[in-house]
N, C-alpha and C. Protein backbone atom coordinates (compact mmCIF):
# COMPACT_ATOMS: atom_id res chain seq x y z
N MET A 1 -21.81 -32.55 -11.97
CA MET A 1 -21.00 -33.43 -11.15
C MET A 1 -21.72 -33.76 -9.85
N VAL A 2 -22.36 -32.74 -9.27
CA VAL A 2 -23.06 -32.97 -8.00
C VAL A 2 -24.23 -33.91 -8.22
N VAL A 3 -24.99 -33.67 -9.29
CA VAL A 3 -26.14 -34.53 -9.58
C VAL A 3 -25.67 -35.97 -9.83
N GLY A 4 -24.61 -36.12 -10.59
CA GLY A 4 -24.07 -37.47 -10.84
C GLY A 4 -23.65 -38.16 -9.56
N ALA A 5 -23.01 -37.43 -8.66
CA ALA A 5 -22.59 -38.01 -7.38
C ALA A 5 -23.80 -38.42 -6.55
N LEU A 6 -24.84 -37.59 -6.54
CA LEU A 6 -26.06 -37.92 -5.78
C LEU A 6 -26.76 -39.15 -6.36
N VAL A 7 -26.84 -39.24 -7.69
CA VAL A 7 -27.48 -40.39 -8.33
C VAL A 7 -26.69 -41.66 -8.02
N LEU A 8 -25.36 -41.61 -8.17
CA LEU A 8 -24.55 -42.79 -7.87
C LEU A 8 -24.68 -43.19 -6.40
N SER A 9 -24.73 -42.22 -5.51
CA SER A 9 -24.89 -42.52 -4.08
C SER A 9 -26.24 -43.17 -3.82
N ALA A 10 -27.29 -42.64 -4.43
CA ALA A 10 -28.63 -43.20 -4.24
C ALA A 10 -28.69 -44.63 -4.76
N ILE A 11 -28.12 -44.86 -5.94
CA ILE A 11 -28.11 -46.22 -6.49
C ILE A 11 -27.33 -47.15 -5.57
N GLY A 12 -26.17 -46.69 -5.11
CA GLY A 12 -25.33 -47.52 -4.24
C GLY A 12 -25.99 -47.85 -2.92
N LEU A 13 -26.78 -46.91 -2.39
CA LEU A 13 -27.44 -47.14 -1.10
C LEU A 13 -28.69 -48.00 -1.24
N THR A 14 -29.33 -47.97 -2.40
CA THR A 14 -30.60 -48.69 -2.55
C THR A 14 -30.48 -50.05 -3.23
N ARG A 15 -29.38 -50.31 -3.89
CA ARG A 15 -29.23 -51.59 -4.60
C ARG A 15 -28.08 -52.39 -4.00
N GLU A 16 -28.40 -53.56 -3.60
CA GLU A 16 -27.39 -54.45 -3.06
C GLU A 16 -26.51 -54.95 -4.21
N GLY A 17 -25.24 -55.03 -3.99
CA GLY A 17 -24.33 -55.54 -5.00
C GLY A 17 -23.96 -54.51 -6.06
N PHE A 18 -24.06 -53.23 -5.72
CA PHE A 18 -23.67 -52.18 -6.68
C PHE A 18 -22.28 -51.72 -6.33
N PRO A 19 -21.41 -51.58 -7.21
CA PRO A 19 -21.49 -51.91 -8.63
C PRO A 19 -21.42 -53.42 -8.84
N PRO A 20 -22.00 -53.88 -9.95
CA PRO A 20 -22.10 -55.33 -10.15
C PRO A 20 -20.77 -56.02 -10.44
N SER A 21 -19.76 -55.26 -10.90
CA SER A 21 -18.47 -55.90 -11.19
C SER A 21 -17.34 -54.88 -11.02
N ARG A 22 -16.12 -55.39 -11.02
CA ARG A 22 -14.96 -54.51 -10.91
C ARG A 22 -14.86 -53.60 -12.14
N THR A 23 -15.23 -54.09 -13.28
CA THR A 23 -15.15 -53.31 -14.52
C THR A 23 -16.08 -52.10 -14.44
N VAL A 24 -17.29 -52.32 -13.97
CA VAL A 24 -18.24 -51.21 -13.82
C VAL A 24 -17.73 -50.22 -12.77
N ALA A 25 -17.17 -50.70 -11.69
CA ALA A 25 -16.63 -49.83 -10.65
C ALA A 25 -15.50 -48.97 -11.21
N ARG A 26 -14.62 -49.58 -11.99
CA ARG A 26 -13.52 -48.83 -12.59
C ARG A 26 -14.04 -47.81 -13.61
N ALA A 27 -15.06 -48.16 -14.35
CA ALA A 27 -15.65 -47.23 -15.33
C ALA A 27 -16.26 -46.02 -14.61
N ILE A 28 -16.92 -46.25 -13.50
CA ILE A 28 -17.51 -45.15 -12.71
C ILE A 28 -16.41 -44.24 -12.17
N ILE A 29 -15.35 -44.82 -11.65
CA ILE A 29 -14.23 -44.03 -11.13
C ILE A 29 -13.58 -43.22 -12.25
N ALA A 30 -13.36 -43.84 -13.41
CA ALA A 30 -12.75 -43.14 -14.54
C ALA A 30 -13.65 -42.01 -15.03
N GLY A 31 -14.95 -42.26 -15.12
CA GLY A 31 -15.89 -41.22 -15.55
C GLY A 31 -15.91 -40.04 -14.59
N THR A 32 -15.89 -40.34 -13.31
CA THR A 32 -15.88 -39.27 -12.30
C THR A 32 -14.60 -38.46 -12.39
N ALA A 33 -13.46 -39.15 -12.57
CA ALA A 33 -12.18 -38.44 -12.70
C ALA A 33 -12.18 -37.53 -13.93
N LEU A 34 -12.74 -38.01 -15.04
CA LEU A 34 -12.84 -37.18 -16.25
C LEU A 34 -13.71 -35.96 -16.02
N LEU A 35 -14.83 -36.12 -15.31
CA LEU A 35 -15.70 -34.98 -15.00
C LEU A 35 -14.99 -33.94 -14.14
N VAL A 36 -14.25 -34.40 -13.15
CA VAL A 36 -13.51 -33.48 -12.28
C VAL A 36 -12.44 -32.75 -13.08
N LEU A 37 -11.71 -33.47 -13.92
CA LEU A 37 -10.69 -32.86 -14.76
C LEU A 37 -11.30 -31.84 -15.73
N ALA A 38 -12.43 -32.18 -16.35
CA ALA A 38 -13.10 -31.25 -17.26
C ALA A 38 -13.56 -30.00 -16.52
N GLY A 39 -14.09 -30.17 -15.32
CA GLY A 39 -14.54 -29.02 -14.52
C GLY A 39 -13.38 -28.11 -14.14
N ALA A 40 -12.27 -28.69 -13.71
CA ALA A 40 -11.09 -27.89 -13.34
C ALA A 40 -10.52 -27.16 -14.55
N THR A 41 -10.47 -27.85 -15.69
CA THR A 41 -9.95 -27.22 -16.92
C THR A 41 -10.84 -26.06 -17.34
N THR A 42 -12.15 -26.24 -17.31
CA THR A 42 -13.08 -25.17 -17.65
C THR A 42 -12.91 -23.98 -16.72
N LEU A 43 -12.76 -24.23 -15.44
CA LEU A 43 -12.57 -23.16 -14.46
C LEU A 43 -11.31 -22.36 -14.76
N LEU A 44 -10.22 -23.04 -15.08
CA LEU A 44 -8.97 -22.35 -15.39
C LEU A 44 -9.08 -21.53 -16.68
N ILE A 45 -9.81 -22.03 -17.66
CA ILE A 45 -9.93 -21.34 -18.93
C ILE A 45 -10.77 -20.06 -18.80
N VAL A 46 -11.87 -20.12 -18.06
CA VAL A 46 -12.79 -18.97 -18.01
C VAL A 46 -12.45 -17.97 -16.91
N THR A 47 -11.56 -18.31 -16.00
CA THR A 47 -11.21 -17.39 -14.94
C THR A 47 -10.18 -16.40 -15.46
N ASP A 48 -10.52 -15.10 -15.33
CA ASP A 48 -9.63 -14.05 -15.81
C ASP A 48 -9.30 -13.14 -14.63
N LYS A 49 -8.34 -13.55 -13.82
CA LYS A 49 -7.96 -12.81 -12.63
C LYS A 49 -6.46 -12.61 -12.67
N GLU A 50 -6.04 -11.37 -12.42
CA GLU A 50 -4.60 -11.12 -12.37
C GLU A 50 -4.01 -11.81 -11.14
N HIS A 51 -2.78 -12.19 -11.28
CA HIS A 51 -2.08 -12.78 -10.15
C HIS A 51 -1.85 -11.68 -9.10
N PRO A 52 -2.02 -11.98 -7.82
CA PRO A 52 -1.86 -10.96 -6.78
C PRO A 52 -0.50 -10.25 -6.84
N ARG A 53 0.57 -10.95 -7.24
CA ARG A 53 1.88 -10.30 -7.32
C ARG A 53 1.89 -9.24 -8.41
N GLU A 54 1.23 -9.51 -9.54
CA GLU A 54 1.16 -8.52 -10.62
C GLU A 54 0.40 -7.29 -10.17
N GLU A 55 -0.71 -7.50 -9.48
CA GLU A 55 -1.50 -6.38 -8.98
C GLU A 55 -0.71 -5.57 -7.95
N ALA A 56 0.03 -6.24 -7.06
CA ALA A 56 0.83 -5.56 -6.06
C ALA A 56 1.94 -4.74 -6.72
N ALA A 57 2.56 -5.29 -7.78
CA ALA A 57 3.61 -4.56 -8.49
C ALA A 57 3.04 -3.31 -9.15
N GLU A 58 1.84 -3.42 -9.72
CA GLU A 58 1.19 -2.26 -10.35
C GLU A 58 0.89 -1.18 -9.31
N LYS A 59 0.39 -1.60 -8.14
CA LYS A 59 0.10 -0.63 -7.07
C LYS A 59 1.37 0.06 -6.59
N ALA A 60 2.47 -0.69 -6.47
CA ALA A 60 3.73 -0.10 -6.03
C ALA A 60 4.23 0.91 -7.05
N GLU A 61 4.07 0.60 -8.34
CA GLU A 61 4.49 1.51 -9.40
C GLU A 61 3.67 2.80 -9.37
N LEU A 62 2.35 2.67 -9.18
CA LEU A 62 1.49 3.86 -9.08
C LEU A 62 1.88 4.72 -7.88
N ALA A 63 2.14 4.08 -6.75
CA ALA A 63 2.53 4.82 -5.54
C ALA A 63 3.84 5.56 -5.76
N ALA A 64 4.80 4.93 -6.45
CA ALA A 64 6.08 5.57 -6.73
C ALA A 64 5.89 6.79 -7.63
N GLU A 65 5.02 6.66 -8.63
CA GLU A 65 4.75 7.79 -9.53
C GLU A 65 4.08 8.94 -8.77
N ARG A 66 3.16 8.61 -7.87
CA ARG A 66 2.49 9.65 -7.08
C ARG A 66 3.49 10.38 -6.19
N SER A 67 4.40 9.62 -5.58
CA SER A 67 5.37 10.24 -4.67
C SER A 67 6.34 11.16 -5.41
N GLN A 68 6.52 10.93 -6.72
CA GLN A 68 7.38 11.78 -7.52
C GLN A 68 6.62 12.94 -8.15
N GLY A 69 5.33 13.05 -7.80
CA GLY A 69 4.52 14.15 -8.30
C GLY A 69 3.96 13.93 -9.68
N GLU A 70 4.13 12.72 -10.22
CA GLU A 70 3.60 12.42 -11.54
C GLU A 70 2.12 12.09 -11.42
N ASN A 71 1.43 12.12 -12.55
CA ASN A 71 0.02 11.81 -12.59
C ASN A 71 -0.15 10.46 -13.28
N PRO A 72 -0.10 9.33 -12.51
CA PRO A 72 -0.15 8.02 -13.13
C PRO A 72 -1.50 7.76 -13.80
N GLU A 73 -1.45 6.89 -14.82
CA GLU A 73 -2.68 6.52 -15.52
C GLU A 73 -3.70 5.97 -14.53
N GLY A 74 -4.93 6.44 -14.63
CA GLY A 74 -5.98 5.96 -13.75
C GLY A 74 -6.12 6.78 -12.49
N ALA A 75 -5.13 7.60 -12.12
CA ALA A 75 -5.26 8.37 -10.88
C ALA A 75 -6.19 9.55 -11.08
N VAL A 76 -6.10 10.25 -12.18
CA VAL A 76 -6.99 11.36 -12.48
C VAL A 76 -7.36 11.26 -13.95
N GLN A 77 -8.65 11.25 -14.21
CA GLN A 77 -9.13 11.15 -15.57
C GLN A 77 -10.16 12.24 -15.81
N GLY A 78 -10.46 12.54 -17.08
CA GLY A 78 -11.59 13.40 -17.40
C GLY A 78 -11.18 14.79 -17.82
N GLU A 79 -12.13 15.72 -17.66
CA GLU A 79 -12.00 17.07 -18.19
C GLU A 79 -11.20 18.01 -17.29
N GLY A 80 -11.23 17.83 -15.99
CA GLY A 80 -10.46 18.67 -15.08
C GLY A 80 -11.23 19.85 -14.54
N GLY A 81 -10.68 20.43 -13.47
CA GLY A 81 -11.25 21.64 -12.87
C GLY A 81 -12.54 21.38 -12.14
N GLY A 82 -13.22 22.49 -11.74
CA GLY A 82 -14.55 22.39 -11.15
C GLY A 82 -14.56 22.20 -9.65
N LYS A 83 -15.76 21.87 -9.17
CA LYS A 83 -16.01 21.71 -7.74
C LYS A 83 -15.44 20.38 -7.25
N THR A 84 -14.96 20.39 -6.01
CA THR A 84 -14.43 19.16 -5.42
C THR A 84 -15.51 18.51 -4.55
N VAL A 85 -15.73 17.22 -4.76
CA VAL A 85 -16.70 16.45 -3.98
C VAL A 85 -16.00 15.20 -3.48
N ARG A 86 -16.12 14.94 -2.16
CA ARG A 86 -15.54 13.72 -1.59
C ARG A 86 -16.48 12.55 -1.83
N ALA A 87 -15.91 11.44 -2.27
CA ALA A 87 -16.63 10.19 -2.44
C ALA A 87 -15.98 9.17 -1.51
N ILE A 88 -16.71 8.73 -0.50
CA ILE A 88 -16.18 7.81 0.51
C ILE A 88 -16.63 6.39 0.16
N GLU A 89 -15.67 5.47 0.05
CA GLU A 89 -15.96 4.07 -0.22
C GLU A 89 -15.52 3.22 0.96
N ASP A 90 -16.33 2.20 1.25
CA ASP A 90 -15.95 1.19 2.24
C ASP A 90 -16.70 -0.09 1.89
N GLU A 91 -16.66 -1.09 2.77
CA GLU A 91 -17.36 -2.34 2.50
C GLU A 91 -18.79 -2.22 3.00
N PHE A 92 -19.75 -2.16 2.24
CA PHE A 92 -19.82 -2.05 0.79
C PHE A 92 -20.79 -0.91 0.48
N SER A 93 -20.27 0.31 0.42
CA SER A 93 -21.09 1.47 0.12
C SER A 93 -20.24 2.57 -0.51
N ILE A 94 -20.95 3.48 -1.18
CA ILE A 94 -20.34 4.69 -1.72
C ILE A 94 -21.21 5.85 -1.25
N LYS A 95 -20.58 6.86 -0.66
CA LYS A 95 -21.31 8.04 -0.18
C LYS A 95 -20.67 9.28 -0.75
N LEU A 96 -21.47 10.11 -1.40
CA LEU A 96 -20.99 11.39 -1.91
C LEU A 96 -21.30 12.48 -0.90
N ALA A 97 -20.32 13.32 -0.59
CA ALA A 97 -20.57 14.46 0.28
C ALA A 97 -21.61 15.35 -0.40
N GLY A 98 -22.66 15.69 0.31
CA GLY A 98 -23.71 16.52 -0.26
C GLY A 98 -24.83 15.74 -0.90
N GLY A 99 -24.74 14.42 -0.94
CA GLY A 99 -25.83 13.60 -1.47
C GLY A 99 -25.67 13.21 -2.92
N ASN A 100 -26.72 12.57 -3.42
CA ASN A 100 -26.69 11.98 -4.77
C ASN A 100 -27.35 12.84 -5.83
N SER A 101 -27.46 14.14 -5.55
CA SER A 101 -28.02 15.07 -6.53
C SER A 101 -27.03 16.21 -6.73
N LEU A 102 -26.60 16.39 -7.98
CA LEU A 102 -25.61 17.42 -8.29
C LEU A 102 -26.14 18.34 -9.37
N LYS A 103 -25.52 19.50 -9.47
CA LYS A 103 -25.85 20.43 -10.55
C LYS A 103 -24.88 20.19 -11.70
N PRO A 104 -25.31 20.47 -12.93
CA PRO A 104 -24.38 20.31 -14.06
C PRO A 104 -23.15 21.20 -13.87
N ASP A 105 -21.98 20.62 -13.96
CA ASP A 105 -20.75 21.38 -13.75
C ASP A 105 -19.56 20.44 -13.94
N LYS A 106 -18.36 21.01 -13.85
CA LYS A 106 -17.14 20.22 -13.81
C LYS A 106 -16.87 19.87 -12.36
N TYR A 107 -16.53 18.60 -12.12
CA TYR A 107 -16.28 18.12 -10.76
C TYR A 107 -14.95 17.40 -10.69
N ARG A 108 -14.37 17.50 -9.50
CA ARG A 108 -13.20 16.69 -9.16
C ARG A 108 -13.64 15.86 -7.96
N PHE A 109 -13.81 14.55 -8.18
CA PHE A 109 -14.23 13.65 -7.11
C PHE A 109 -12.97 13.12 -6.42
N THR A 110 -12.83 13.43 -5.15
CA THR A 110 -11.75 12.88 -4.35
C THR A 110 -12.28 11.59 -3.74
N VAL A 111 -11.80 10.47 -4.24
CA VAL A 111 -12.31 9.16 -3.85
C VAL A 111 -11.42 8.61 -2.74
N VAL A 112 -12.02 8.41 -1.56
CA VAL A 112 -11.28 7.96 -0.38
C VAL A 112 -11.74 6.54 -0.03
N ASN A 113 -10.80 5.62 0.06
CA ASN A 113 -11.12 4.24 0.44
C ASN A 113 -10.96 4.10 1.95
N GLU A 114 -12.08 4.09 2.65
CA GLU A 114 -12.06 3.88 4.11
C GLU A 114 -12.28 2.42 4.46
N GLY A 115 -12.31 1.56 3.46
CA GLY A 115 -12.51 0.13 3.69
C GLY A 115 -11.20 -0.57 3.96
N LYS A 116 -11.29 -1.88 4.10
CA LYS A 116 -10.11 -2.69 4.40
C LYS A 116 -9.56 -3.38 3.15
N ILE A 117 -10.34 -3.36 2.06
CA ILE A 117 -9.90 -3.99 0.82
C ILE A 117 -9.90 -2.96 -0.31
N ASP A 118 -9.26 -3.30 -1.42
CA ASP A 118 -9.15 -2.37 -2.55
C ASP A 118 -10.50 -2.12 -3.20
N HIS A 119 -10.68 -0.89 -3.67
CA HIS A 119 -11.88 -0.48 -4.40
C HIS A 119 -11.44 0.44 -5.54
N ASP A 120 -12.36 0.75 -6.43
CA ASP A 120 -12.16 1.80 -7.43
C ASP A 120 -13.50 2.50 -7.58
N LEU A 121 -13.56 3.51 -8.43
CA LEU A 121 -14.82 4.20 -8.69
C LEU A 121 -14.94 4.45 -10.18
N LYS A 122 -16.06 4.02 -10.72
CA LYS A 122 -16.35 4.27 -12.13
C LYS A 122 -17.61 5.12 -12.21
N ILE A 123 -17.56 6.14 -13.08
CA ILE A 123 -18.73 6.98 -13.34
C ILE A 123 -19.14 6.71 -14.78
N GLN A 124 -20.44 6.43 -14.95
CA GLN A 124 -20.93 6.07 -16.28
C GLN A 124 -22.30 6.70 -16.50
N GLY A 125 -22.48 7.37 -17.63
CA GLY A 125 -23.77 7.93 -18.00
C GLY A 125 -23.64 9.13 -18.90
N GLN A 126 -24.67 9.39 -19.70
CA GLN A 126 -24.72 10.53 -20.60
C GLN A 126 -23.49 10.61 -21.52
N GLY A 127 -23.01 9.46 -21.96
CA GLY A 127 -21.85 9.42 -22.84
C GLY A 127 -20.52 9.55 -22.12
N PHE A 128 -20.54 9.68 -20.80
CA PHE A 128 -19.30 9.81 -20.01
C PHE A 128 -19.00 8.46 -19.37
N GLU A 129 -17.72 8.06 -19.41
CA GLU A 129 -17.32 6.81 -18.78
C GLU A 129 -15.84 6.88 -18.43
N GLU A 130 -15.55 7.02 -17.14
CA GLU A 130 -14.17 7.05 -16.64
C GLU A 130 -14.12 6.33 -15.30
N LYS A 131 -12.92 5.88 -14.93
CA LYS A 131 -12.77 5.23 -13.62
C LYS A 131 -11.37 5.47 -13.06
N THR A 132 -11.25 5.29 -11.76
CA THR A 132 -9.95 5.38 -11.10
C THR A 132 -9.25 4.04 -11.21
N ALA A 133 -7.98 4.02 -10.88
CA ALA A 133 -7.26 2.77 -10.70
C ALA A 133 -7.72 2.18 -9.37
N LEU A 134 -7.27 0.98 -9.05
CA LEU A 134 -7.59 0.41 -7.74
C LEU A 134 -7.01 1.29 -6.65
N ILE A 135 -7.80 1.51 -5.60
CA ILE A 135 -7.39 2.36 -4.49
C ILE A 135 -7.24 1.48 -3.26
N GLY A 136 -6.06 1.45 -2.69
CA GLY A 136 -5.81 0.63 -1.51
C GLY A 136 -6.48 1.19 -0.27
N SER A 137 -6.56 0.38 0.75
CA SER A 137 -7.15 0.79 2.03
C SER A 137 -6.41 2.02 2.57
N GLY A 138 -7.18 3.06 2.92
CA GLY A 138 -6.60 4.28 3.48
C GLY A 138 -6.05 5.23 2.43
N GLU A 139 -6.12 4.86 1.17
CA GLU A 139 -5.59 5.72 0.10
C GLU A 139 -6.71 6.49 -0.57
N GLU A 140 -6.33 7.42 -1.44
CA GLU A 140 -7.33 8.15 -2.21
C GLU A 140 -6.84 8.39 -3.62
N ALA A 141 -7.80 8.68 -4.50
CA ALA A 141 -7.51 8.99 -5.90
C ALA A 141 -8.49 10.07 -6.32
N ALA A 142 -8.24 10.66 -7.47
CA ALA A 142 -9.13 11.71 -7.98
C ALA A 142 -9.70 11.29 -9.32
N LEU A 143 -10.92 11.70 -9.55
CA LEU A 143 -11.58 11.44 -10.82
C LEU A 143 -12.30 12.72 -11.23
N GLU A 144 -11.95 13.24 -12.39
CA GLU A 144 -12.53 14.50 -12.85
C GLU A 144 -13.56 14.23 -13.93
N ALA A 145 -14.67 15.00 -13.85
CA ALA A 145 -15.76 14.77 -14.79
C ALA A 145 -16.52 16.06 -15.04
N ASP A 146 -16.91 16.26 -16.29
CA ASP A 146 -17.78 17.37 -16.68
C ASP A 146 -19.17 16.75 -16.83
N LEU A 147 -20.00 16.88 -15.78
CA LEU A 147 -21.29 16.21 -15.76
C LEU A 147 -22.38 17.09 -16.36
N LYS A 148 -23.04 16.54 -17.35
CA LYS A 148 -24.17 17.19 -18.02
C LYS A 148 -25.46 16.72 -17.34
N PRO A 149 -26.58 17.38 -17.55
CA PRO A 149 -27.85 16.93 -16.94
C PRO A 149 -28.17 15.49 -17.34
N GLY A 150 -28.66 14.72 -16.38
CA GLY A 150 -29.04 13.33 -16.63
C GLY A 150 -28.74 12.45 -15.44
N LYS A 151 -28.83 11.14 -15.67
CA LYS A 151 -28.58 10.14 -14.64
C LYS A 151 -27.19 9.52 -14.85
N TYR A 152 -26.49 9.30 -13.75
CA TYR A 152 -25.16 8.70 -13.79
C TYR A 152 -25.12 7.54 -12.79
N ARG A 153 -24.31 6.56 -13.12
CA ARG A 153 -24.09 5.44 -12.23
C ARG A 153 -22.68 5.56 -11.68
N PHE A 154 -22.54 5.58 -10.35
CA PHE A 154 -21.25 5.58 -9.66
C PHE A 154 -21.13 4.20 -9.02
N TYR A 155 -20.07 3.45 -9.37
CA TYR A 155 -19.96 2.10 -8.82
C TYR A 155 -18.52 1.62 -8.79
N CYS A 156 -18.30 0.58 -7.99
CA CYS A 156 -17.00 -0.07 -7.89
C CYS A 156 -16.99 -1.23 -8.88
N THR A 157 -15.94 -1.33 -9.70
CA THR A 157 -15.88 -2.38 -10.71
C THR A 157 -15.21 -3.66 -10.23
N VAL A 158 -14.75 -3.69 -8.97
CA VAL A 158 -14.18 -4.93 -8.44
C VAL A 158 -15.30 -5.98 -8.43
N PRO A 159 -15.05 -7.17 -8.98
CA PRO A 159 -16.11 -8.18 -9.07
C PRO A 159 -16.84 -8.40 -7.74
N GLY A 160 -18.18 -8.28 -7.81
CA GLY A 160 -19.03 -8.52 -6.64
C GLY A 160 -19.31 -7.29 -5.80
N HIS A 161 -18.51 -6.23 -5.94
CA HIS A 161 -18.69 -5.07 -5.06
C HIS A 161 -19.95 -4.27 -5.40
N ALA A 162 -20.22 -4.03 -6.69
CA ALA A 162 -21.44 -3.29 -7.07
C ALA A 162 -22.67 -4.06 -6.59
N GLN A 163 -22.65 -5.38 -6.74
CA GLN A 163 -23.78 -6.21 -6.32
C GLN A 163 -23.94 -6.21 -4.81
N SER A 164 -22.88 -5.87 -4.08
CA SER A 164 -22.92 -5.85 -2.61
C SER A 164 -23.28 -4.47 -2.06
N GLY A 165 -23.59 -3.51 -2.92
CA GLY A 165 -24.02 -2.20 -2.45
C GLY A 165 -23.18 -1.03 -2.89
N MET A 166 -22.08 -1.28 -3.58
CA MET A 166 -21.22 -0.18 -4.03
C MET A 166 -21.67 0.27 -5.42
N ASP A 167 -22.90 0.75 -5.48
CA ASP A 167 -23.52 1.13 -6.74
C ASP A 167 -24.61 2.15 -6.42
N ILE A 168 -24.40 3.41 -6.82
CA ILE A 168 -25.41 4.44 -6.54
C ILE A 168 -25.76 5.18 -7.82
N ASP A 169 -27.00 5.65 -7.87
CA ASP A 169 -27.44 6.47 -8.98
C ASP A 169 -27.35 7.93 -8.56
N VAL A 170 -26.81 8.76 -9.43
CA VAL A 170 -26.64 10.19 -9.14
C VAL A 170 -27.40 10.97 -10.21
N SER A 171 -28.22 11.90 -9.75
CA SER A 171 -28.98 12.76 -10.67
C SER A 171 -28.26 14.09 -10.82
N VAL A 172 -28.11 14.54 -12.05
CA VAL A 172 -27.51 15.83 -12.32
C VAL A 172 -28.59 16.67 -13.00
N LYS A 173 -29.03 17.74 -12.28
CA LYS A 173 -30.07 18.61 -12.84
C LYS A 173 -29.95 20.01 -12.29
């Protein structure tokens, strides 16, 4: 669409009497309208984002379950038990207390969101793959994992966050 607009602008600026007739002008307008409509339709079809109200309702439900002492889905996952390690998230970093090198063991990661926007934490590697639910600003969640020797990726799955720095490699040896 941008290239078409630039080409039409260049032709219009360099040729006197462009468009040559009302019919051609109407055809150009109709073609441009169709391109805009096709672009908007494609955007709507390929965009897979929850509505903010749905996400807010889910967060409220999780908070209610936590306040009643229940263990909501996504709040704690994995094998359980073990050493507790704090994982601090903000815009846009993840820091593990004690660094990015761990010994093989069972861990309970207390994930604290010190940022201003929602984050989560996913651990992936050596056949292990678990993540927390979205964690609101100032909130925390737990993620339990039995880490075997090898390399693990700790990252935020919110679109764009891992690419912005919320992605660390952790060695377990």
